[in-house]
Amino acid sequence: MKKTTIMTIGIVIGSLIIGSIAAFGVAGAKDTQDVQEENKNTIFVTGVGTVTAKPDKFIIDLTITTTDKSARQAQQQNDSKANALIEALKKIGCKEDDLETTGYYLNPVYKYFPEDNESRLVGYQASYTLKVTAYDLKKIGEIIDKGTENGVNQIGSINYTVKNEADFYAEALKTAMRDAKSKADTALGEYSLKVLSVKNINIAGYQPYITNKSMSPSEDSRGGGGGVAPNIISGNYSITVNVNVEFNY
């Protein structure tokens, strides 16, 4: 019995020693790998990618303002003009889903009287802003013309963009990464070194460049409906993506 017990204890102790050695060997190999990874040389590079396209979508803000001594009258008159504007735009092909009310205000109007050194309430101003999105660039002039025919007295900026912006962003990002890799290859190639792998990528963001046109209705078309629709020419739409990449070499 004693021999059996001693033999069993010896086997257990031997197994523990072998297991410890094996574990130490795996841990040591992992630590060595980590140290080697940390000690790899790295290079930081900024890549830029730009994609340009012809815009196929535009957004324009049309605003109607009406002033009257009565708040109720100012609001009713403005609402009537706004409803007429929406119906007129629908008749030329604008869809209801592409029309959005972005501003609706009713504010008191005060006038300063220097002889009495005081400001007095002289009326109220109602304001209504409609954001129009359209996909036929040829309709810009017609939309503006219909706006001025139906009480629009302020036209905001015309923002040109593209329907599939996500696709252009993806292409610009790929271009930026290729640019970063090319710069790293060029820099390292001077010393007969090569890029081994990518360690970190930071996408700094993207900046779409949209051509904006700001205009006001001409005297011929303001409120009269007899003016000629303006001819609006769009520029190009471009999107730029910047990436900061750390390469191992």
C-alpha atoms as a PDB file:
ATOM      1  CA  MET A   1       0.000   0.000   0.000  1.00  0.00           C
ATOM      2  CA  LYS A   2       2.753   2.463   0.852  1.00  0.00           C
ATOM      3  CA  LYS A   3       4.567   1.796  -2.424  1.00  0.00           C
ATOM      4  CA  THR A   4       1.354   2.360  -4.373  1.00  0.00           C
ATOM      5  CA  THR A   5       0.664   5.608  -2.531  1.00  0.00           C
ATOM      6  CA  ILE A   6       4.184   6.926  -3.068  1.00  0.00           C
ATOM      7  CA  MET A   7       4.041   6.006  -6.745  1.00  0.00           C
ATOM      8  CA  THR A   8       0.692   7.796  -7.191  1.00  0.00           C
ATOM      9  CA  ILE A   9       1.981  10.968  -5.522  1.00  0.00           C
ATOM     10  CA  GLY A  10       5.059  10.890  -7.746  1.00  0.00           C
ATOM     11  CA  ILE A  11       2.944  10.658 -10.898  1.00  0.00           C
ATOM     12  CA  VAL A  12       0.755  13.599  -9.798  1.00  0.00           C
ATOM     13  CA  ILE A  13       3.761  15.785  -8.982  1.00  0.00           C
ATOM     14  CA  GLY A  14       5.362  14.920 -12.298  1.00  0.00           C
ATOM     15  CA  SER A  15       2.207  15.813 -14.199  1.00  0.00           C
ATOM     16  CA  LEU A  16       1.996  19.162 -12.393  1.00  0.00           C
ATOM     17  CA  ILE A  17       5.606  19.996 -13.256  1.00  0.00           C
ATOM     18  CA  ILE A  18       5.126  19.078 -16.936  1.00  0.00           C
ATOM     19  CA  GLY A  19       1.880  21.105 -17.094  1.00  0.00           C
ATOM     20  CA  SER A  20       3.566  24.119 -15.521  1.00  0.00           C
ATOM     21  CA  ILE A  21       6.437  23.958 -17.990  1.00  0.00           C
ATOM     22  CA  ALA A  22       4.034  23.700 -20.921  1.00  0.00           C
ATOM     23  CA  ALA A  23       1.940  26.612 -19.644  1.00  0.00           C
ATOM     24  CA  PHE A  24       5.039  28.699 -19.085  1.00  0.00           C
ATOM     25  CA  GLY A  25       6.204  27.913 -22.584  1.00  0.00           C
ATOM     26  CA  VAL A  26       2.869  29.020 -24.148  1.00  0.00           C
ATOM     27  CA  ALA A  27       2.733  32.171 -22.022  1.00  0.00           C
ATOM     28  CA  GLY A  28       6.337  32.951 -22.827  1.00  0.00           C
ATOM     29  CA  ALA A  29       5.727  32.525 -26.541  1.00  0.00           C
ATOM     30  CA  LYS A  30       2.666  34.812 -26.344  1.00  0.00           C
ATOM     31  CA  ASP A  31       4.597  37.455 -24.412  1.00  0.00           C
ATOM     32  CA  THR A  32       7.401  37.284 -26.954  1.00  0.00           C
ATOM     33  CA  GLN A  33       4.902  37.682 -29.773  1.00  0.00           C
ATOM     34  CA  ASP A  34       3.323  40.701 -28.052  1.00  0.00           C
ATOM     35  CA  VAL A  35       6.716  42.319 -27.538  1.00  0.00           C
ATOM     36  CA  GLN A  36       7.621  41.720 -31.167  1.00  0.00           C
ATOM     37  CA  GLU A  37       4.277  43.226 -32.231  1.00  0.00           C
ATOM     38  CA  GLU A  38       4.856  46.287 -30.049  1.00  0.00           C
ATOM     39  CA  ASN A  39       8.395  46.709 -31.349  1.00  0.00           C
ATOM     40  CA  LYS A  40       7.332  46.750 -35.016  1.00  0.00           C
ATOM     41  CA  ASN A  41       8.198  49.981 -36.800  1.00  0.00           C
ATOM     42  CA  THR A  42       5.236  52.073 -37.849  1.00  0.00           C
ATOM     43  CA  ILE A  43       4.588  54.967 -40.187  1.00  0.00           C
ATOM     44  CA  PHE A  44       1.664  57.408 -40.001  1.00  0.00           C
ATOM     45  CA  VAL A  45       0.143  58.574 -43.267  1.00  0.00           C
ATOM     46  CA  THR A  46      -2.829  60.758 -44.225  1.00  0.00           C
ATOM     47  CA  GLY A  47      -4.822  59.732 -47.266  1.00  0.00           C
ATOM     48  CA  VAL A  48      -7.282  61.905 -49.176  1.00  0.00           C
ATOM     49  CA  GLY A  49      -9.975  60.717 -51.551  1.00  0.00           C
ATOM     50  CA  THR A  50     -12.256  62.937 -53.643  1.00  0.00           C
ATOM     51  CA  VAL A  51     -15.081  61.891 -55.945  1.00  0.00           C
ATOM     52  CA  THR A  52     -16.880  64.355 -58.203  1.00  0.00           C
ATOM     53  CA  ALA A  53     -20.258  63.914 -59.852  1.00  0.00           C
ATOM     54  CA  LYS A  54     -22.980  65.880 -61.553  1.00  0.00           C
ATOM     55  CA  PRO A  55     -25.767  66.620 -59.053  1.00  0.00           C
ATOM     56  CA  ASP A  56     -29.093  64.921 -59.650  1.00  0.00           C
ATOM     57  CA  LYS A  57     -31.002  66.335 -56.692  1.00  0.00           C
ATOM     58  CA  PHE A  58     -31.576  69.807 -55.280  1.00  0.00           C
ATOM     59  CA  ILE A  59     -33.174  71.368 -52.216  1.00  0.00           C
ATOM     60  CA  ILE A  60     -34.535  74.896 -52.071  1.00  0.00           C
ATOM     61  CA  ASP A  61     -36.273  76.899 -49.318  1.00  0.00           C
ATOM     62  CA  LEU A  62     -39.220  79.120 -50.215  1.00  0.00           C
ATOM     63  CA  THR A  63     -40.492  81.595 -47.617  1.00  0.00           C
ATOM     64  CA  ILE A  64     -43.696  83.620 -47.499  1.00  0.00           C
ATOM     65  CA  THR A  65     -44.030  86.518 -45.062  1.00  0.00           C
ATOM     66  CA  THR A  66     -47.163  88.598 -44.538  1.00  0.00           C
ATOM     67  CA  THR A  67     -47.617  91.663 -42.312  1.00  0.00           C
ATOM     68  CA  ASP A  68     -50.914  93.027 -41.039  1.00  0.00           C
ATOM     69  CA  LYS A  69     -52.189  95.095 -38.120  1.00  0.00           C
ATOM     70  CA  SER A  70     -54.189  92.078 -36.983  1.00  0.00           C
ATOM     71  CA  ALA A  71     -52.418  88.892 -35.924  1.00  0.00           C
ATOM     72  CA  ARG A  72     -55.335  86.825 -37.162  1.00  0.00           C
ATOM     73  CA  GLN A  73     -55.368  88.536 -40.550  1.00  0.00           C
ATOM     74  CA  ALA A  74     -51.613  88.144 -40.981  1.00  0.00           C
ATOM     75  CA  GLN A  75     -51.851  84.447 -40.174  1.00  0.00           C
ATOM     76  CA  GLN A  76     -54.878  83.781 -42.386  1.00  0.00           C
ATOM     77  CA  GLN A  77     -53.422  85.614 -45.372  1.00  0.00           C
ATOM     78  CA  ASN A  78     -50.115  83.799 -45.022  1.00  0.00           C
ATOM     79  CA  ASP A  79     -51.792  80.410 -44.641  1.00  0.00           C
ATOM     80  CA  SER A  80     -53.849  81.060 -47.778  1.00  0.00           C
ATOM     81  CA  LYS A  81     -50.704  81.880 -49.778  1.00  0.00           C
ATOM     82  CA  ALA A  82     -48.886  78.828 -48.399  1.00  0.00           C
ATOM     83  CA  ASN A  83     -51.715  76.479 -49.387  1.00  0.00           C
ATOM     84  CA  ALA A  84     -51.813  78.001 -52.869  1.00  0.00           C
ATOM     85  CA  LEU A  85     -48.056  77.547 -53.183  1.00  0.00           C
ATOM     86  CA  ILE A  86     -48.239  73.857 -52.264  1.00  0.00           C
ATOM     87  CA  GLU A  87     -51.028  73.208 -54.772  1.00  0.00           C
ATOM     88  CA  ALA A  88     -49.158  75.071 -57.515  1.00  0.00           C
ATOM     89  CA  LEU A  89     -46.020  72.997 -56.909  1.00  0.00           C
ATOM     90  CA  LYS A  90     -47.996  69.760 -57.004  1.00  0.00           C
ATOM     91  CA  LYS A  91     -49.425  70.742 -60.387  1.00  0.00           C
ATOM     92  CA  ILE A  92     -45.940  70.979 -61.899  1.00  0.00           C
ATOM     93  CA  GLY A  93     -44.950  67.540 -60.627  1.00  0.00           C
ATOM     94  CA  CYS A  94     -43.643  68.048 -57.083  1.00  0.00           C
ATOM     95  CA  LYS A  95     -44.628  65.156 -54.842  1.00  0.00           C
ATOM     96  CA  GLU A  96     -46.133  65.773 -51.419  1.00  0.00           C
ATOM     97  CA  ASP A  97     -43.412  63.641 -49.798  1.00  0.00           C
ATOM     98  CA  ASP A  98     -40.833  66.064 -51.193  1.00  0.00           C
ATOM     99  CA  LEU A  99     -42.496  69.114 -49.617  1.00  0.00           C
ATOM    100  CA  GLU A 100     -41.717  69.861 -45.975  1.00  0.00           C
ATOM    101  CA  THR A 101     -42.707  72.762 -43.731  1.00  0.00           C
ATOM    102  CA  THR A 102     -39.544  73.850 -41.921  1.00  0.00           C
ATOM    103  CA  GLY A 103     -40.661  77.173 -40.458  1.00  0.00           C
ATOM    104  CA  TYR A 104     -43.901  78.690 -39.188  1.00  0.00           C
ATOM    105  CA  TYR A 105     -43.858  81.863 -37.118  1.00  0.00           C
ATOM    106  CA  LEU A 106     -46.105  84.672 -35.985  1.00  0.00           C
ATOM    107  CA  ASN A 107     -44.269  87.594 -34.418  1.00  0.00           C
ATOM    108  CA  PRO A 108     -45.302  91.044 -33.214  1.00  0.00           C
ATOM    109  CA  VAL A 109     -43.893  94.024 -35.103  1.00  0.00           C
ATOM    110  CA  TYR A 110     -42.767  97.076 -33.141  1.00  0.00           C
ATOM    111  CA  LYS A 111     -41.848 100.510 -34.424  1.00  0.00           C
ATOM    112  CA  TYR A 112     -39.766 103.057 -32.596  1.00  0.00           C
ATOM    113  CA  PHE A 113     -41.168 106.574 -32.255  1.00  0.00           C
ATOM    114  CA  PRO A 114     -38.301 108.955 -31.424  1.00  0.00           C
ATOM    115  CA  GLU A 115     -40.582 111.830 -30.467  1.00  0.00           C
ATOM    116  CA  ASP A 116     -41.996 109.740 -27.632  1.00  0.00           C
ATOM    117  CA  ASN A 117     -38.807 107.709 -27.091  1.00  0.00           C
ATOM    118  CA  GLU A 118     -40.729 104.453 -27.118  1.00  0.00           C
ATOM    119  CA  SER A 119     -41.532 101.425 -29.258  1.00  0.00           C
ATOM    120  CA  ARG A 120     -45.145 100.630 -30.062  1.00  0.00           C
ATOM    121  CA  LEU A 121     -46.843  97.563 -31.440  1.00  0.00           C
ATOM    122  CA  VAL A 122     -47.850  98.323 -35.033  1.00  0.00           C
ATOM    123  CA  GLY A 123     -48.789  94.896 -36.333  1.00  0.00           C
ATOM    124  CA  TYR A 124     -47.873  91.256 -36.746  1.00  0.00           C
ATOM    125  CA  GLN A 125     -45.789  89.305 -39.220  1.00  0.00           C
ATOM    126  CA  ALA A 126     -46.564  85.725 -40.204  1.00  0.00           C
ATOM    127  CA  SER A 127     -43.850  83.624 -41.829  1.00  0.00           C
ATOM    128  CA  TYR A 128     -43.987  80.227 -43.536  1.00  0.00           C
ATOM    129  CA  THR A 129     -41.004  78.320 -45.003  1.00  0.00           C
ATOM    130  CA  LEU A 130     -41.364  75.343 -47.322  1.00  0.00           C
ATOM    131  CA  LYS A 131     -38.427  73.070 -48.166  1.00  0.00           C
ATOM    132  CA  VAL A 132     -38.744  71.657 -51.663  1.00  0.00           C
ATOM    133  CA  THR A 133     -36.745  68.634 -52.807  1.00  0.00           C
ATOM    134  CA  ALA A 134     -36.693  67.782 -56.500  1.00  0.00           C
ATOM    135  CA  TYR A 135     -34.776  65.495 -58.827  1.00  0.00           C
ATOM    136  CA  ASP A 136     -35.185  67.271 -62.157  1.00  0.00           C
ATOM    137  CA  LEU A 137     -32.672  70.126 -62.235  1.00  0.00           C
ATOM    138  CA  LYS A 138     -34.536  71.698 -65.139  1.00  0.00           C
ATOM    139  CA  LYS A 139     -37.432  72.418 -62.778  1.00  0.00           C
ATOM    140  CA  ILE A 140     -35.507  74.816 -60.526  1.00  0.00           C
ATOM    141  CA  GLY A 141     -36.496  77.891 -62.497  1.00  0.00           C
ATOM    142  CA  GLU A 142     -40.100  76.755 -62.774  1.00  0.00           C
ATOM    143  CA  ILE A 143     -40.333  76.114 -59.028  1.00  0.00           C
ATOM    144  CA  ILE A 144     -38.969  79.580 -58.284  1.00  0.00           C
ATOM    145  CA  ASP A 145     -41.390  81.139 -60.763  1.00  0.00           C
ATOM    146  CA  LYS A 146     -44.368  79.339 -59.202  1.00  0.00           C
ATOM    147  CA  GLY A 147     -43.174  80.455 -55.802  1.00  0.00           C
ATOM    148  CA  THR A 148     -43.081  84.146 -56.694  1.00  0.00           C
ATOM    149  CA  GLU A 149     -46.499  83.821 -58.336  1.00  0.00           C
ATOM    150  CA  ASN A 150     -47.911  82.567 -55.043  1.00  0.00           C
ATOM    151  CA  GLY A 151     -46.514  85.034 -52.529  1.00  0.00           C
ATOM    152  CA  VAL A 152     -42.952  83.822 -51.978  1.00  0.00           C
ATOM    153  CA  ASN A 153     -40.854  86.861 -51.138  1.00  0.00           C
ATOM    154  CA  GLN A 154     -37.688  85.149 -49.895  1.00  0.00           C
ATOM    155  CA  ILE A 155     -35.748  82.360 -51.590  1.00  0.00           C
ATOM    156  CA  GLY A 156     -33.025  80.589 -49.656  1.00  0.00           C
ATOM    157  CA  SER A 157     -29.949  78.861 -50.978  1.00  0.00           C
ATOM    158  CA  ILE A 158     -30.205  76.124 -53.577  1.00  0.00           C
ATOM    159  CA  ASN A 159     -28.358  73.055 -52.337  1.00  0.00           C
ATOM    160  CA  TYR A 160     -27.216  70.598 -54.991  1.00  0.00           C
ATOM    161  CA  THR A 161     -26.486  67.012 -54.009  1.00  0.00           C
ATOM    162  CA  VAL A 162     -26.819  63.428 -55.255  1.00  0.00           C
ATOM    163  CA  LYS A 163     -29.392  60.739 -54.548  1.00  0.00           C
ATOM    164  CA  ASN A 164     -26.901  57.910 -53.878  1.00  0.00           C
ATOM    165  CA  GLU A 165     -24.491  59.817 -51.634  1.00  0.00           C
ATOM    166  CA  ALA A 166     -23.528  56.623 -49.743  1.00  0.00           C
ATOM    167  CA  ASP A 167     -22.063  55.101 -52.928  1.00  0.00           C
ATOM    168  CA  PHE A 168     -19.951  58.184 -53.605  1.00  0.00           C
ATOM    169  CA  TYR A 169     -18.781  58.203 -49.985  1.00  0.00           C
ATOM    170  CA  ALA A 170     -17.685  54.557 -50.240  1.00  0.00           C
ATOM    171  CA  GLU A 171     -15.728  55.267 -53.421  1.00  0.00           C
ATOM    172  CA  ALA A 172     -14.070  58.337 -51.869  1.00  0.00           C
ATOM    173  CA  LEU A 173     -13.096  56.261 -48.816  1.00  0.00           C
ATOM    174  CA  LYS A 174     -11.505  53.588 -51.003  1.00  0.00           C
ATOM    175  CA  THR A 175      -9.615  56.282 -52.885  1.00  0.00           C
ATOM    176  CA  ALA A 176      -8.371  57.773 -49.597  1.00  0.00           C
ATOM    177  CA  MET A 177      -7.094  54.381 -48.399  1.00  0.00           C
ATOM    178  CA  ARG A 178      -5.314  53.767 -51.705  1.00  0.00           C
ATOM    179  CA  ASP A 179      -3.763  57.216 -51.437  1.00  0.00           C
ATOM    180  CA  ALA A 180      -2.495  56.479 -47.915  1.00  0.00           C
ATOM    181  CA  LYS A 181      -1.022  53.131 -49.003  1.00  0.00           C
ATOM    182  CA  SER A 182       0.659  54.749 -52.020  1.00  0.00           C
ATOM    183  CA  LYS A 183       2.250  57.438 -49.851  1.00  0.00           C
ATOM    184  CA  ALA A 184       3.511  54.841 -47.366  1.00  0.00           C
ATOM    185  CA  ASP A 185       4.948  52.702 -50.190  1.00  0.00           C
ATOM    186  CA  THR A 186       6.699  55.694 -51.711  1.00  0.00           C
ATOM    187  CA  ALA A 187       8.233  56.824 -48.421  1.00  0.00           C
ATOM    188  CA  LEU A 188       9.379  53.354 -47.363  1.00  0.00           C
ATOM    189  CA  GLY A 189      10.580  52.404 -50.829  1.00  0.00           C
ATOM    190  CA  GLU A 190      13.337  54.984 -50.596  1.00  0.00           C
ATOM    191  CA  TYR A 191      14.864  52.822 -47.858  1.00  0.00           C
ATOM    192  CA  SER A 192      14.074  49.433 -49.430  1.00  0.00           C
ATOM    193  CA  LEU A 193      11.326  48.858 -46.860  1.00  0.00           C
ATOM    194  CA  LYS A 194       7.811  47.557 -47.394  1.00  0.00           C
ATOM    195  CA  VAL A 195       4.426  47.928 -45.746  1.00  0.00           C
ATOM    196  CA  LEU A 196       3.612  44.740 -43.835  1.00  0.00           C
ATOM    197  CA  SER A 197       0.158  45.437 -42.450  1.00  0.00           C
ATOM    198  CA  VAL A 198      -2.248  48.066 -41.188  1.00  0.00           C
ATOM    199  CA  LYS A 199      -2.150  48.768 -37.464  1.00  0.00           C
ATOM    200  CA  ASN A 200      -4.712  51.544 -37.064  1.00  0.00           C
ATOM    201  CA  ILE A 201      -7.204  53.419 -39.246  1.00  0.00           C
ATOM    202  CA  ASN A 202      -8.887  56.654 -38.279  1.00  0.00           C
ATOM    203  CA  ILE A 203     -11.516  58.004 -40.666  1.00  0.00           C
ATOM    204  CA  ALA A 204     -11.396  61.716 -39.998  1.00  0.00           C
ATOM    205  CA  GLY A 205     -14.743  62.364 -41.652  1.00  0.00           C
ATOM    206  CA  TYR A 206     -15.941  63.564 -44.993  1.00  0.00           C
ATOM    207  CA  GLN A 207     -16.816  66.931 -46.440  1.00  0.00           C
ATOM    208  CA  PRO A 208     -19.353  67.179 -49.246  1.00  0.00           C
ATOM    209  CA  TYR A 209     -18.900  70.259 -51.368  1.00  0.00           C
ATOM    210  CA  ILE A 210     -22.207  71.511 -52.659  1.00  0.00           C
ATOM    211  CA  THR A 211     -22.624  74.418 -55.020  1.00  0.00           C
ATOM    212  CA  ASN A 212     -24.999  76.948 -53.490  1.00  0.00           C
ATOM    213  CA  LYS A 213     -26.919  79.625 -55.304  1.00  0.00           C
ATOM    214  CA  SER A 214     -28.611  82.382 -53.323  1.00  0.00           C
ATOM    215  CA  MET A 215     -31.093  84.614 -55.036  1.00  0.00           C
ATOM    216  CA  SER A 216     -34.074  86.905 -54.646  1.00  0.00           C
ATOM    217  CA  PRO A 217     -37.045  87.234 -56.973  1.00  0.00           C
ATOM    218  CA  SER A 218     -36.704  89.890 -59.638  1.00  0.00           C
ATOM    219  CA  GLU A 219     -38.980  92.909 -59.665  1.00  0.00           C
ATOM    220  CA  ASP A 220     -40.704  91.504 -62.743  1.00  0.00           C
ATOM    221  CA  SER A 221     -41.723  88.272 -61.048  1.00  0.00           C
ATOM    222  CA  ARG A 222     -42.239  89.338 -57.443  1.00  0.00           C
ATOM    223  CA  GLY A 223     -45.898  88.785 -56.714  1.00  0.00           C
ATOM    224  CA  GLY A 224     -46.966  89.512 -60.294  1.00  0.00           C
ATOM    225  CA  GLY A 225     -46.640  86.160 -61.989  1.00  0.00           C
ATOM    226  CA  GLY A 226     -45.519  87.734 -65.272  1.00  0.00           C
ATOM    227  CA  GLY A 227     -41.763  87.303 -64.944  1.00  0.00           C
ATOM    228  CA  VAL A 228     -39.574  84.871 -66.816  1.00  0.00           C
ATOM    229  CA  ALA A 229     -38.344  81.832 -64.855  1.00  0.00           C
ATOM    230  CA  PRO A 230     -34.637  82.284 -64.077  1.00  0.00           C
ATOM    231  CA  ASN A 231     -32.093  80.014 -65.710  1.00  0.00           C
ATOM    232  CA  ILE A 232     -30.133  78.279 -62.932  1.00  0.00           C
ATOM    233  CA  ILE A 233     -26.908  76.430 -63.748  1.00  0.00           C
ATOM    234  CA  SER A 234     -25.600  73.943 -61.201  1.00  0.00           C
ATOM    235  CA  GLY A 235     -21.963  73.243 -60.506  1.00  0.00           C
ATOM    236  CA  ASN A 236     -20.389  69.886 -59.695  1.00  0.00           C
ATOM    237  CA  TYR A 237     -20.955  67.932 -56.507  1.00  0.00           C
ATOM    238  CA  SER A 238     -17.849  66.531 -54.833  1.00  0.00           C
ATOM    239  CA  ILE A 239     -17.214  64.593 -51.660  1.00  0.00           C
ATOM    240  CA  THR A 240     -13.830  64.365 -49.914  1.00  0.00           C
ATOM    241  CA  VAL A 241     -12.817  61.784 -47.296  1.00  0.00           C
ATOM    242  CA  ASN A 242      -9.693  61.997 -45.109  1.00  0.00           C
ATOM    243  CA  VAL A 243      -8.116  58.987 -43.376  1.00  0.00           C
ATOM    244  CA  ASN A 244      -5.199  58.701 -40.978  1.00  0.00           C
ATOM    245  CA  VAL A 245      -3.531  55.300 -41.266  1.00  0.00           C
ATOM    246  CA  GLU A 246      -0.750  53.700 -39.208  1.00  0.00           C
ATOM    247  CA  PHE A 247       1.138  51.021 -41.143  1.00  0.00           C
ATOM    248  CA  ASN A 248       3.519  48.386 -39.798  1.00  0.00           C
ATOM    249  CA  TYR A 249       6.764  47.889 -41.726  1.00  0.00           C
END
